[in-house]
Amino acid sequence: WSAGALSKMVIIGNSFKGIEERLLSRILERDYSYIA
């Protein structure tokens, strides 16, 4: 969790947009806050 480290990463996996669309915002922000 820093701009420097994240900018060096590429993730191939489940769509973050899809996770956002499928979860209620309060659940996303509470349980998966770093994705949010």
ModelCIF file with pLDDT and N, C-alpha, C, O atoms, coordinates in Angstrom:
data_MODEL
#
_entry.id   MODEL 
#
_entity.id                         1 
_entity.type                       polymer 
_entity.pdbx_number_of_molecules   1 
#
_entity_poly.entity_id                      1 
_entity_poly.type                           'polypeptide(L)' 
_entity_poly.nstd_linkage                   no 
_entity_poly.nstd_monomer                   no 
_entity_poly.pdbx_seq_one_letter_code       WSAGALSKMVIIGNSFKGIEERLLSRILERDYSYIA 
_entity_poly.pdbx_seq_one_letter_code_can   WSAGALSKMVIIGNSFKGIEERLLSRILERDYSYIA 
_entity_poly.pdbx_strand_id                 A 
#
loop_
_entity_poly_seq.entity_id 
_entity_poly_seq.num 
_entity_poly_seq.mon_id 
_entity_poly_seq.hetero 
1 1  TRP n 
1 2  SER n 
1 3  ALA n 
1 4  GLY n 
1 5  ALA n 
1 6  LEU n 
1 7  SER n 
1 8  LYS n 
1 9  MET n 
1 10 VAL n 
1 11 ILE n 
1 12 ILE n 
1 13 GLY n 
1 14 ASN n 
1 15 SER n 
1 16 PHE n 
1 17 LYS n 
1 18 GLY n 
1 19 ILE n 
1 20 GLU n 
1 21 GLU n 
1 22 ARG n 
1 23 LEU n 
1 24 LEU n 
1 25 SER n 
1 26 ARG n 
1 27 ILE n 
1 28 LEU n 
1 29 GLU n 
1 30 ARG n 
1 31 ASP n 
1 32 TYR n 
1 33 SER n 
1 34 TYR n 
1 35 ILE n 
1 36 ALA n 
#
_struct_asym.id          A 
_struct_asym.entity_id   1 
#
loop_
_ma_qa_metric.id 
_ma_qa_metric.mode 
_ma_qa_metric.name 
_ma_qa_metric.software_group_id 
_ma_qa_metric.type 
1 global pLDDT . pLDDT 
2 local  pLDDT . pLDDT 
#
_ma_qa_metric_global.metric_id      1 
_ma_qa_metric_global.metric_value   95.72 
_ma_qa_metric_global.model_id       1 
_ma_qa_metric_global.ordinal_id     1 
#
loop_
_ma_qa_metric_local.label_asym_id 
_ma_qa_metric_local.label_comp_id 
_ma_qa_metric_local.label_seq_id 
_ma_qa_metric_local.metric_id 
_ma_qa_metric_local.metric_value 
_ma_qa_metric_local.model_id 
_ma_qa_metric_local.ordinal_id 
A TRP 1  2 98.00 1 1  
A SER 2  2 97.00 1 2  
A ALA 3  2 97.00 1 3  
A GLY 4  2 95.00 1 4  
A ALA 5  2 96.00 1 5  
A LEU 6  2 97.00 1 6  
A SER 7  2 95.00 1 7  
A LYS 8  2 94.00 1 8  
A MET 9  2 95.00 1 9  
A VAL 10 2 95.00 1 10 
A ILE 11 2 97.00 1 11 
A ILE 12 2 97.00 1 12 
A GLY 13 2 98.00 1 13 
A ASN 14 2 97.00 1 14 
A SER 15 2 98.00 1 15 
A PHE 16 2 98.00 1 16 
A LYS 17 2 97.00 1 17 
A GLY 18 2 97.00 1 18 
A ILE 19 2 97.00 1 19 
A GLU 20 2 97.00 1 20 
A GLU 21 2 96.00 1 21 
A ARG 22 2 95.00 1 22 
A LEU 23 2 94.00 1 23 
A LEU 24 2 94.00 1 24 
A SER 25 2 94.00 1 25 
A ARG 26 2 93.00 1 26 
A ILE 27 2 92.00 1 27 
A LEU 28 2 94.00 1 28 
A GLU 29 2 93.00 1 29 
A ARG 30 2 92.00 1 30 
A ASP 31 2 93.00 1 31 
A TYR 32 2 96.00 1 32 
A SER 33 2 96.00 1 33 
A TYR 34 2 97.00 1 34 
A ILE 35 2 98.00 1 35 
A ALA 36 2 97.00 1 36 
#
loop_
_atom_site.group_PDB 
_atom_site.id 
_atom_site.type_symbol 
_atom_site.label_atom_id 
_atom_site.label_alt_id 
_atom_site.label_comp_id 
_atom_site.label_asym_id 
_atom_site.label_entity_id 
_atom_site.label_seq_id 
_atom_site.pdbx_PDB_ins_code 
_atom_site.Cartn_x 
_atom_site.Cartn_y 
_atom_site.Cartn_z 
_atom_site.occupancy 
_atom_site.B_iso_or_equiv 
_atom_site.pdbx_formal_charge 
_atom_site.auth_seq_id 
_atom_site.auth_comp_id 
_atom_site.auth_asym_id 
_atom_site.auth_atom_id 
_atom_site.pdbx_PDB_model_num 
ATOM 1   N N  . TRP A 1 1  ? 0.808   -1.211  0.000   1.00 98.00 ? 1  TRP A N  1 
ATOM 2   C CA . TRP A 1 1  ? 0.000   0.000   0.000   1.00 98.00 ? 1  TRP A CA 1 
ATOM 3   C C  . TRP A 1 1  ? 0.852   1.276   0.000   1.00 98.00 ? 1  TRP A C  1 
ATOM 4   O O  . TRP A 1 1  ? 1.030   1.923   1.032   1.00 98.00 ? 1  TRP A O  1 
ATOM 5   N N  . SER A 1 2  ? 1.365   1.616   -1.170  1.00 97.00 ? 2  SER A N  1 
ATOM 6   C CA . SER A 1 2  ? 2.018   2.896   -1.419  1.00 97.00 ? 2  SER A CA 1 
ATOM 7   C C  . SER A 1 2  ? 1.970   3.120   -2.918  1.00 97.00 ? 2  SER A C  1 
ATOM 8   O O  . SER A 1 2  ? 1.904   2.174   -3.703  1.00 97.00 ? 2  SER A O  1 
ATOM 9   N N  . ALA A 1 3  ? 2.004   4.389   -3.303  1.00 97.00 ? 3  ALA A N  1 
ATOM 10  C CA . ALA A 1 3  ? 1.940   4.696   -4.729  1.00 97.00 ? 3  ALA A CA 1 
ATOM 11  C C  . ALA A 1 3  ? 3.138   4.098   -5.465  1.00 97.00 ? 3  ALA A C  1 
ATOM 12  O O  . ALA A 1 3  ? 3.000   3.604   -6.585  1.00 97.00 ? 3  ALA A O  1 
ATOM 13  N N  . GLY A 1 4  ? 4.303   4.142   -4.840  1.00 95.00 ? 4  GLY A N  1 
ATOM 14  C CA . GLY A 1 4  ? 5.498   3.617   -5.480  1.00 95.00 ? 4  GLY A CA 1 
ATOM 15  C C  . GLY A 1 4  ? 5.423   2.134   -5.748  1.00 95.00 ? 4  GLY A C  1 
ATOM 16  O O  . GLY A 1 4  ? 5.803   1.677   -6.826  1.00 95.00 ? 4  GLY A O  1 
ATOM 17  N N  . ALA A 1 5  ? 4.933   1.365   -4.772  1.00 96.00 ? 5  ALA A N  1 
ATOM 18  C CA . ALA A 1 5  ? 4.845   -0.090  -4.935  1.00 96.00 ? 5  ALA A CA 1 
ATOM 19  C C  . ALA A 1 5  ? 3.726   -0.481  -5.899  1.00 96.00 ? 5  ALA A C  1 
ATOM 20  O O  . ALA A 1 5  ? 3.933   -1.316  -6.779  1.00 96.00 ? 5  ALA A O  1 
ATOM 21  N N  . LEU A 1 6  ? 2.553   0.111   -5.741  1.00 97.00 ? 6  LEU A N  1 
ATOM 22  C CA . LEU A 1 6  ? 1.429   -0.256  -6.601  1.00 97.00 ? 6  LEU A CA 1 
ATOM 23  C C  . LEU A 1 6  ? 1.712   0.045   -8.068  1.00 97.00 ? 6  LEU A C  1 
ATOM 24  O O  . LEU A 1 6  ? 1.254   -0.680  -8.952  1.00 97.00 ? 6  LEU A O  1 
ATOM 25  N N  . SER A 1 7  ? 2.456   1.101   -8.328  1.00 95.00 ? 7  SER A N  1 
ATOM 26  C CA . SER A 1 7  ? 2.741   1.469   -9.712  1.00 95.00 ? 7  SER A CA 1 
ATOM 27  C C  . SER A 1 7  ? 3.655   0.462   -10.399 1.00 95.00 ? 7  SER A C  1 
ATOM 28  O O  . SER A 1 7  ? 3.786   0.490   -11.623 1.00 95.00 ? 7  SER A O  1 
ATOM 29  N N  . LYS A 1 8  ? 4.287   -0.423  -9.642  1.00 94.00 ? 8  LYS A N  1 
ATOM 30  C CA . LYS A 1 8  ? 5.160   -1.449  -10.202 1.00 94.00 ? 8  LYS A CA 1 
ATOM 31  C C  . LYS A 1 8  ? 4.443   -2.797  -10.361 1.00 94.00 ? 8  LYS A C  1 
ATOM 32  O O  . LYS A 1 8  ? 5.064   -3.790  -10.740 1.00 94.00 ? 8  LYS A O  1 
ATOM 33  N N  . MET A 1 9  ? 3.144   -2.829  -10.071 1.00 95.00 ? 9  MET A N  1 
ATOM 34  C CA . MET A 1 9  ? 2.390   -4.086  -10.084 1.00 95.00 ? 9  MET A CA 1 
ATOM 35  C C  . MET A 1 9  ? 1.430   -4.164  -11.265 1.00 95.00 ? 9  MET A C  1 
ATOM 36  O O  . MET A 1 9  ? 0.881   -3.153  -11.703 1.00 95.00 ? 9  MET A O  1 
ATOM 37  N N  . VAL A 1 10 ? 1.238   -5.369  -11.770 1.00 95.00 ? 10 VAL A N  1 
ATOM 38  C CA . VAL A 1 10 ? 0.176   -5.698  -12.707 1.00 95.00 ? 10 VAL A CA 1 
ATOM 39  C C  . VAL A 1 10 ? -0.548  -6.912  -12.133 1.00 95.00 ? 10 VAL A C  1 
ATOM 40  O O  . VAL A 1 10 ? 0.093   -7.877  -11.718 1.00 95.00 ? 10 VAL A O  1 
ATOM 41  N N  . ILE A 1 11 ? -1.867  -6.868  -12.108 1.00 97.00 ? 11 ILE A N  1 
ATOM 42  C CA . ILE A 1 11 ? -2.665  -7.975  -11.572 1.00 97.00 ? 11 ILE A CA 1 
ATOM 43  C C  . ILE A 1 11 ? -3.574  -8.502  -12.670 1.00 97.00 ? 11 ILE A C  1 
ATOM 44  O O  . ILE A 1 11 ? -4.358  -7.746  -13.245 1.00 97.00 ? 11 ILE A O  1 
ATOM 45  N N  . ILE A 1 12 ? -3.477  -9.789  -12.963 1.00 97.00 ? 12 ILE A N  1 
ATOM 46  C CA . ILE A 1 12 ? -4.432  -10.454 -13.857 1.00 97.00 ? 12 ILE A CA 1 
ATOM 47  C C  . ILE A 1 12 ? -5.333  -11.315 -12.986 1.00 97.00 ? 12 ILE A C  1 
ATOM 48  O O  . ILE A 1 12 ? -4.887  -12.288 -12.378 1.00 97.00 ? 12 ILE A O  1 
ATOM 49  N N  . GLY A 1 13 ? -6.588  -10.948 -12.935 1.00 98.00 ? 13 GLY A N  1 
ATOM 50  C CA . GLY A 1 13 ? -7.519  -11.663 -12.058 1.00 98.00 ? 13 GLY A CA 1 
ATOM 51  C C  . GLY A 1 13 ? -8.919  -11.104 -12.195 1.00 98.00 ? 13 GLY A C  1 
ATOM 52  O O  . GLY A 1 13 ? -9.236  -10.434 -13.178 1.00 98.00 ? 13 GLY A O  1 
ATOM 53  N N  . ASN A 1 14 ? -9.757  -11.381 -11.207 1.00 97.00 ? 14 ASN A N  1 
ATOM 54  C CA . ASN A 1 14 ? -11.146 -10.951 -11.252 1.00 97.00 ? 14 ASN A CA 1 
ATOM 55  C C  . ASN A 1 14 ? -11.245 -9.444  -11.432 1.00 97.00 ? 14 ASN A C  1 
ATOM 56  O O  . ASN A 1 14 ? -10.497 -8.687  -10.812 1.00 97.00 ? 14 ASN A O  1 
ATOM 57  N N  . SER A 1 15 ? -12.157 -9.016  -12.271 1.00 98.00 ? 15 SER A N  1 
ATOM 58  C CA . SER A 1 15 ? -12.330 -7.606  -12.577 1.00 98.00 ? 15 SER A CA 1 
ATOM 59  C C  . SER A 1 15 ? -12.645 -6.792  -11.330 1.00 98.00 ? 15 SER A C  1 
ATOM 60  O O  . SER A 1 15 ? -13.612 -7.091  -10.628 1.00 98.00 ? 15 SER A O  1 
ATOM 61  N N  . PHE A 1 16 ? -11.844 -5.764  -11.040 1.00 98.00 ? 16 PHE A N  1 
ATOM 62  C CA . PHE A 1 16 ? -12.144 -4.872  -9.920  1.00 98.00 ? 16 PHE A CA 1 
ATOM 63  C C  . PHE A 1 16 ? -13.444 -4.112  -10.183 1.00 98.00 ? 16 PHE A C  1 
ATOM 64  O O  . PHE A 1 16 ? -14.216 -3.857  -9.259  1.00 98.00 ? 16 PHE A O  1 
ATOM 65  N N  . LYS A 1 17 ? -13.681 -3.749  -11.452 1.00 97.00 ? 17 LYS A N  1 
ATOM 66  C CA . LYS A 1 17 ? -14.945 -3.093  -11.789 1.00 97.00 ? 17 LYS A CA 1 
ATOM 67  C C  . LYS A 1 17 ? -16.119 -4.019  -11.499 1.00 97.00 ? 17 LYS A C  1 
ATOM 68  O O  . LYS A 1 17 ? -17.156 -3.585  -10.998 1.00 97.00 ? 17 LYS A O  1 
ATOM 69  N N  . GLY A 1 18 ? -15.946 -5.294  -11.818 1.00 97.00 ? 18 GLY A N  1 
ATOM 70  C CA . GLY A 1 18 ? -17.003 -6.264  -11.549 1.00 97.00 ? 18 GLY A CA 1 
ATOM 71  C C  . GLY A 1 18 ? -17.256 -6.430  -10.060 1.00 97.00 ? 18 GLY A C  1 
ATOM 72  O O  . GLY A 1 18 ? -18.404 -6.544  -9.632  1.00 97.00 ? 18 GLY A O  1 
ATOM 73  N N  . ILE A 1 19 ? -16.182 -6.444  -9.263  1.00 97.00 ? 19 ILE A N  1 
ATOM 74  C CA . ILE A 1 19 ? -16.336 -6.535  -7.810  1.00 97.00 ? 19 ILE A CA 1 
ATOM 75  C C  . ILE A 1 19 ? -17.123 -5.332  -7.302  1.00 97.00 ? 19 ILE A C  1 
ATOM 76  O O  . ILE A 1 19 ? -18.014 -5.475  -6.465  1.00 97.00 ? 19 ILE A O  1 
ATOM 77  N N  . GLU A 1 20 ? -16.795 -4.152  -7.808  1.00 97.00 ? 20 GLU A N  1 
ATOM 78  C CA . GLU A 1 20 ? -17.495 -2.932  -7.397  1.00 97.00 ? 20 GLU A CA 1 
ATOM 79  C C  . GLU A 1 20 ? -18.972 -2.997  -7.765  1.00 97.00 ? 20 GLU A C  1 
ATOM 80  O O  . GLU A 1 20 ? -19.829 -2.582  -6.984  1.00 97.00 ? 20 GLU A O  1 
ATOM 81  N N  . GLU A 1 21 ? -19.267 -3.513  -8.945  1.00 96.00 ? 21 GLU A N  1 
ATOM 82  C CA . GLU A 1 21 ? -20.657 -3.578  -9.402  1.00 96.00 ? 21 GLU A CA 1 
ATOM 83  C C  . GLU A 1 21 ? -21.478 -4.593  -8.630  1.00 96.00 ? 21 GLU A C  1 
ATOM 84  O O  . GLU A 1 21 ? -22.674 -4.394  -8.419  1.00 96.00 ? 21 GLU A O  1 
ATOM 85  N N  . ARG A 1 22 ? -20.844 -5.686  -8.205  1.00 95.00 ? 22 ARG A N  1 
ATOM 86  C CA . ARG A 1 22 ? -21.593 -6.771  -7.569  1.00 95.00 ? 22 ARG A CA 1 
ATOM 87  C C  . ARG A 1 22 ? -21.805 -6.563  -6.058  1.00 95.00 ? 22 ARG A C  1 
ATOM 88  O O  . ARG A 1 22 ? -22.736 -7.125  -5.481  1.00 95.00 ? 22 ARG A O  1 
ATOM 89  N N  . LEU A 1 23 ? -20.959 -5.772  -5.435  1.00 94.00 ? 23 LEU A N  1 
ATOM 90  C CA . LEU A 1 23 ? -21.040 -5.596  -3.982  1.00 94.00 ? 23 LEU A CA 1 
ATOM 91  C C  . LEU A 1 23 ? -21.686 -4.268  -3.629  1.00 94.00 ? 23 LEU A C  1 
ATOM 92  O O  . LEU A 1 23 ? -21.482 -3.268  -4.317  1.00 94.00 ? 23 LEU A O  1 
ATOM 93  N N  . LEU A 1 24 ? -22.464 -4.260  -2.558  1.00 94.00 ? 24 LEU A N  1 
ATOM 94  C CA . LEU A 1 24 ? -22.947 -3.001  -2.012  1.00 94.00 ? 24 LEU A CA 1 
ATOM 95  C C  . LEU A 1 24 ? -21.742 -2.172  -1.577  1.00 94.00 ? 24 LEU A C  1 
ATOM 96  O O  . LEU A 1 24 ? -20.771 -2.713  -1.047  1.00 94.00 ? 24 LEU A O  1 
ATOM 97  N N  . SER A 1 25 ? -21.804 -0.877  -1.797  1.00 94.00 ? 25 SER A N  1 
ATOM 98  C CA . SER A 1 25 ? -20.656 -0.017  -1.508  1.00 94.00 ? 25 SER A CA 1 
ATOM 99  C C  . SER A 1 25 ? -20.240 -0.104  -0.047  1.00 94.00 ? 25 SER A C  1 
ATOM 100 O O  . SER A 1 25 ? -19.048 -0.062  0.256   1.00 94.00 ? 25 SER A O  1 
ATOM 101 N N  . ARG A 1 26 ? -21.192 -0.224  0.853   1.00 93.00 ? 26 ARG A N  1 
ATOM 102 C CA . ARG A 1 26 ? -20.837 -0.283  2.278   1.00 93.00 ? 26 ARG A CA 1 
ATOM 103 C C  . ARG A 1 26 ? -20.086 -1.574  2.608   1.00 93.00 ? 26 ARG A C  1 
ATOM 104 O O  . ARG A 1 26 ? -19.209 -1.575  3.472   1.00 93.00 ? 26 ARG A O  1 
ATOM 105 N N  . ILE A 1 27 ? -20.424 -2.673  1.926   1.00 92.00 ? 27 ILE A N  1 
ATOM 106 C CA . ILE A 1 27 ? -19.731 -3.937  2.161   1.00 92.00 ? 27 ILE A CA 1 
ATOM 107 C C  . ILE A 1 27 ? -18.338 -3.888  1.554   1.00 92.00 ? 27 ILE A C  1 
ATOM 108 O O  . ILE A 1 27 ? -17.374 -4.358  2.159   1.00 92.00 ? 27 ILE A O  1 
ATOM 109 N N  . LEU A 1 28 ? -18.234 -3.317  0.352   1.00 94.00 ? 28 LEU A N  1 
ATOM 110 C CA . LEU A 1 28 ? -16.927 -3.181  -0.294  1.00 94.00 ? 28 LEU A CA 1 
ATOM 111 C C  . LEU A 1 28 ? -15.990 -2.336  0.567   1.00 94.00 ? 28 LEU A C  1 
ATOM 112 O O  . LEU A 1 28 ? -14.837 -2.711  0.783   1.00 94.00 ? 28 LEU A O  1 
ATOM 113 N N  . GLU A 1 29 ? -16.476 -1.209  1.054   1.00 93.00 ? 29 GLU A N  1 
ATOM 114 C CA . GLU A 1 29 ? -15.638 -0.305  1.836   1.00 93.00 ? 29 GLU A CA 1 
ATOM 115 C C  . GLU A 1 29 ? -15.309 -0.873  3.211   1.00 93.00 ? 29 GLU A C  1 
ATOM 116 O O  . GLU A 1 29 ? -14.256 -0.571  3.772   1.00 93.00 ? 29 GLU A O  1 
ATOM 117 N N  . ARG A 1 30 ? -16.205 -1.693  3.756   1.00 92.00 ? 30 ARG A N  1 
ATOM 118 C CA . ARG A 1 30 ? -15.958 -2.269  5.086   1.00 92.00 ? 30 ARG A CA 1 
ATOM 119 C C  . ARG A 1 30 ? -15.055 -3.484  5.032   1.00 92.00 ? 30 ARG A C  1 
ATOM 120 O O  . ARG A 1 30 ? -14.114 -3.586  5.819   1.00 92.00 ? 30 ARG A O  1 
ATOM 121 N N  . ASP A 1 31 ? -15.322 -4.410  4.119   1.00 93.00 ? 31 ASP A N  1 
ATOM 122 C CA . ASP A 1 31 ? -14.612 -5.693  4.103   1.00 93.00 ? 31 ASP A CA 1 
ATOM 123 C C  . ASP A 1 31 ? -13.417 -5.719  3.149   1.00 93.00 ? 31 ASP A C  1 
ATOM 124 O O  . ASP A 1 31 ? -12.460 -6.460  3.373   1.00 93.00 ? 31 ASP A O  1 
ATOM 125 N N  . TYR A 1 32 ? -13.469 -4.924  2.103   1.00 96.00 ? 32 TYR A N  1 
ATOM 126 C CA . TYR A 1 32 ? -12.408 -4.945  1.092   1.00 96.00 ? 32 TYR A CA 1 
ATOM 127 C C  . TYR A 1 32 ? -11.996 -3.503  0.803   1.00 96.00 ? 32 TYR A C  1 
ATOM 128 O O  . TYR A 1 32 ? -12.055 -3.031  -0.333  1.00 96.00 ? 32 TYR A O  1 
ATOM 129 N N  . SER A 1 33 ? -11.583 -2.830  1.856   1.00 96.00 ? 33 SER A N  1 
ATOM 130 C CA . SER A 1 33 ? -11.364 -1.380  1.782   1.00 96.00 ? 33 SER A CA 1 
ATOM 131 C C  . SER A 1 33 ? -10.231 -0.999  0.842   1.00 96.00 ? 33 SER A C  1 
ATOM 132 O O  . SER A 1 33 ? -10.262 0.079   0.248   1.00 96.00 ? 33 SER A O  1 
ATOM 133 N N  . TYR A 1 34 ? -9.230  -1.861  0.696   1.00 97.00 ? 34 TYR A N  1 
ATOM 134 C CA . TYR A 1 34 ? -8.102  -1.500  -0.170  1.00 97.00 ? 34 TYR A CA 1 
ATOM 135 C C  . TYR A 1 34 ? -8.490  -1.595  -1.642  1.00 97.00 ? 34 TYR A C  1 
ATOM 136 O O  . TYR A 1 34 ? -8.011  -0.806  -2.456  1.00 97.00 ? 34 TYR A O  1 
ATOM 137 N N  . ILE A 1 35 ? -9.344  -2.541  -1.992  1.00 98.00 ? 35 ILE A N  1 
ATOM 138 C CA . ILE A 1 35 ? -9.886  -2.570  -3.354  1.00 98.00 ? 35 ILE A CA 1 
ATOM 139 C C  . ILE A 1 35 ? -10.704 -1.313  -3.591  1.00 98.00 ? 35 ILE A C  1 
ATOM 140 O O  . ILE A 1 35 ? -10.567 -0.666  -4.628  1.00 98.00 ? 35 ILE A O  1 
ATOM 141 N N  . ALA A 1 36 ? -11.563 -0.963  -2.623  1.00 97.00 ? 36 ALA A N  1 
ATOM 142 C CA . ALA A 1 36 ? -12.418 0.215   -2.768  1.00 97.00 ? 36 ALA A CA 1 
ATOM 143 C C  . ALA A 1 36 ? -11.595 1.484   -2.958  1.00 97.00 ? 36 ALA A C  1 
ATOM 144 O O  . ALA A 1 36 ? -12.159 2.570   -3.096  1.00 97.00 ? 36 ALA A O  1 
#
